[in-house]
C-alpha cells in the first residue's frame, strides 16, 4: 500500500479549483471519506469496507466541472492499484 498515493489523491481534491457549486459538495464528500481512510491506515485500523464504499461514492456521483472527474478518479485509481502490491 502506498500512503503517498492516497496523500496525492487527497491533495488533488483539496487543491482542485472548481467553478461549479454543485461540485463543491461532491468534492467535500470525497475529501471527508478519503480522510477517514487515511486516518485508519495511519492508526493501523482495519479498512473493512472503506475502499468499496469510497468506490461506490465515485460510482454514484459525477463532477460537472470540465475533465475533473477523470483527473481526480485517476488519482484514486492509482491509490487503489497500490493496494494490490
Protein backbone atom coordinates (compact mmCIF):
# COMPACT_ATOMS: atom_id res chain seq x y z
CA UNK A 1 0.00 0.00 0.00
CA UNK A 2 1.33 3.40 -0.98
CA UNK A 3 0.19 6.04 1.51
CA UNK A 4 1.83 8.66 -0.70
CA UNK A 5 -0.70 7.85 -3.44
CA UNK A 6 -3.56 8.43 -1.00
CA UNK A 7 -1.99 11.71 0.14
CA UNK A 8 -1.61 12.79 -3.50
CA UNK A 9 -5.29 12.00 -4.08
CA UNK A 10 -6.35 13.99 -1.02
CA UNK A 11 -4.20 16.95 -2.05
CA UNK A 12 -5.58 16.84 -5.59
CA UNK A 13 -9.10 17.09 -4.19
CA UNK A 14 -8.27 19.85 -1.73
CA UNK A 15 -6.32 21.88 -4.32
CA UNK A 16 -8.89 21.49 -7.06
CA UNK A 17 -10.28 24.86 -8.12
CA UNK A 18 -13.85 24.14 -9.10
CA UNK A 19 -16.18 26.66 -10.64
CA UNK A 20 -19.43 24.76 -10.19
CA UNK A 21 -21.07 24.99 -6.77
CA UNK A 22 -22.55 21.53 -7.26
CA UNK A 23 -19.08 20.06 -7.41
CA UNK A 24 -18.01 21.54 -4.08
CA UNK A 25 -20.42 19.30 -2.19
CA UNK A 26 -19.18 16.23 -4.05
CA UNK A 27 -15.53 17.17 -3.55
CA UNK A 28 -16.16 17.62 0.17
CA UNK A 29 -17.66 14.14 0.29
CA UNK A 30 -14.60 12.66 -1.42
CA UNK A 31 -12.31 14.57 0.89
CA UNK A 32 -14.07 13.55 4.10
CA UNK A 33 -14.27 9.91 3.11
CA UNK A 34 -10.65 9.72 1.98
CA UNK A 35 -9.51 11.41 5.20
CA UNK A 36 -11.21 8.61 7.14
CA UNK A 37 -9.31 6.05 5.06
CA UNK A 38 -6.01 7.83 5.68
CA UNK A 39 -6.71 8.02 9.43
CA UNK A 40 -7.47 4.30 9.60
CA UNK A 41 -4.28 3.47 7.72
CA UNK A 42 -2.17 5.67 10.00
CA UNK A 43 -3.78 4.16 13.11
CA UNK A 44 -3.40 0.60 11.76
CA UNK A 45 -7.13 0.04 11.90
CA UNK A 46 -8.84 -2.36 9.51
CA UNK A 47 -10.24 -0.69 6.41
CA UNK A 48 -13.21 -3.09 6.32
CA UNK A 49 -15.47 -1.81 3.51
CA UNK A 50 -13.98 1.68 3.31
CA UNK A 51 -12.34 1.22 -0.09
CA UNK A 52 -15.51 -0.28 -1.58
CA UNK A 53 -17.62 2.47 -0.04
CA UNK A 54 -15.39 5.17 -1.49
CA UNK A 55 -15.58 3.46 -4.86
CA UNK A 56 -19.39 3.47 -4.57
CA UNK A 57 -19.25 7.18 -3.77
CA UNK A 58 -17.45 7.70 -7.07
CA UNK A 59 -20.00 5.48 -8.82
CA UNK A 60 -22.95 7.49 -7.55
CA UNK A 61 -21.55 10.96 -8.24
CA UNK A 62 -20.17 12.87 -11.18
CA UNK A 63 -18.18 16.09 -11.22
CA UNK A 64 -19.54 18.58 -13.74
CA UNK A 65 -16.52 20.88 -13.94
CA UNK A 66 -14.51 20.08 -17.08
CA UNK A 67 -12.46 16.88 -17.02
CA UNK A 68 -12.12 16.98 -13.23
CA UNK A 69 -13.89 13.65 -12.82
CA UNK A 70 -11.30 11.80 -14.89
CA UNK A 71 -8.34 13.66 -13.37
CA UNK A 72 -9.35 13.03 -9.76
CA UNK A 73 -10.58 9.50 -10.34
CA UNK A 74 -7.18 8.67 -11.87
CA UNK A 75 -5.54 9.69 -8.57
CA UNK A 76 -7.98 7.44 -6.68
CA UNK A 77 -7.29 4.59 -9.10
CA UNK A 78 -3.55 4.98 -8.58
CA UNK A 79 -4.07 4.54 -4.83
CA UNK A 80 -6.36 1.54 -5.32
CA UNK A 81 -3.77 -0.05 -7.58
CA UNK A 82 -1.16 0.35 -4.84
CA UNK A 83 -3.36 -1.76 -2.53
CA UNK A 84 -2.72 -4.75 -4.76
CA UNK A 85 1.05 -4.55 -4.30
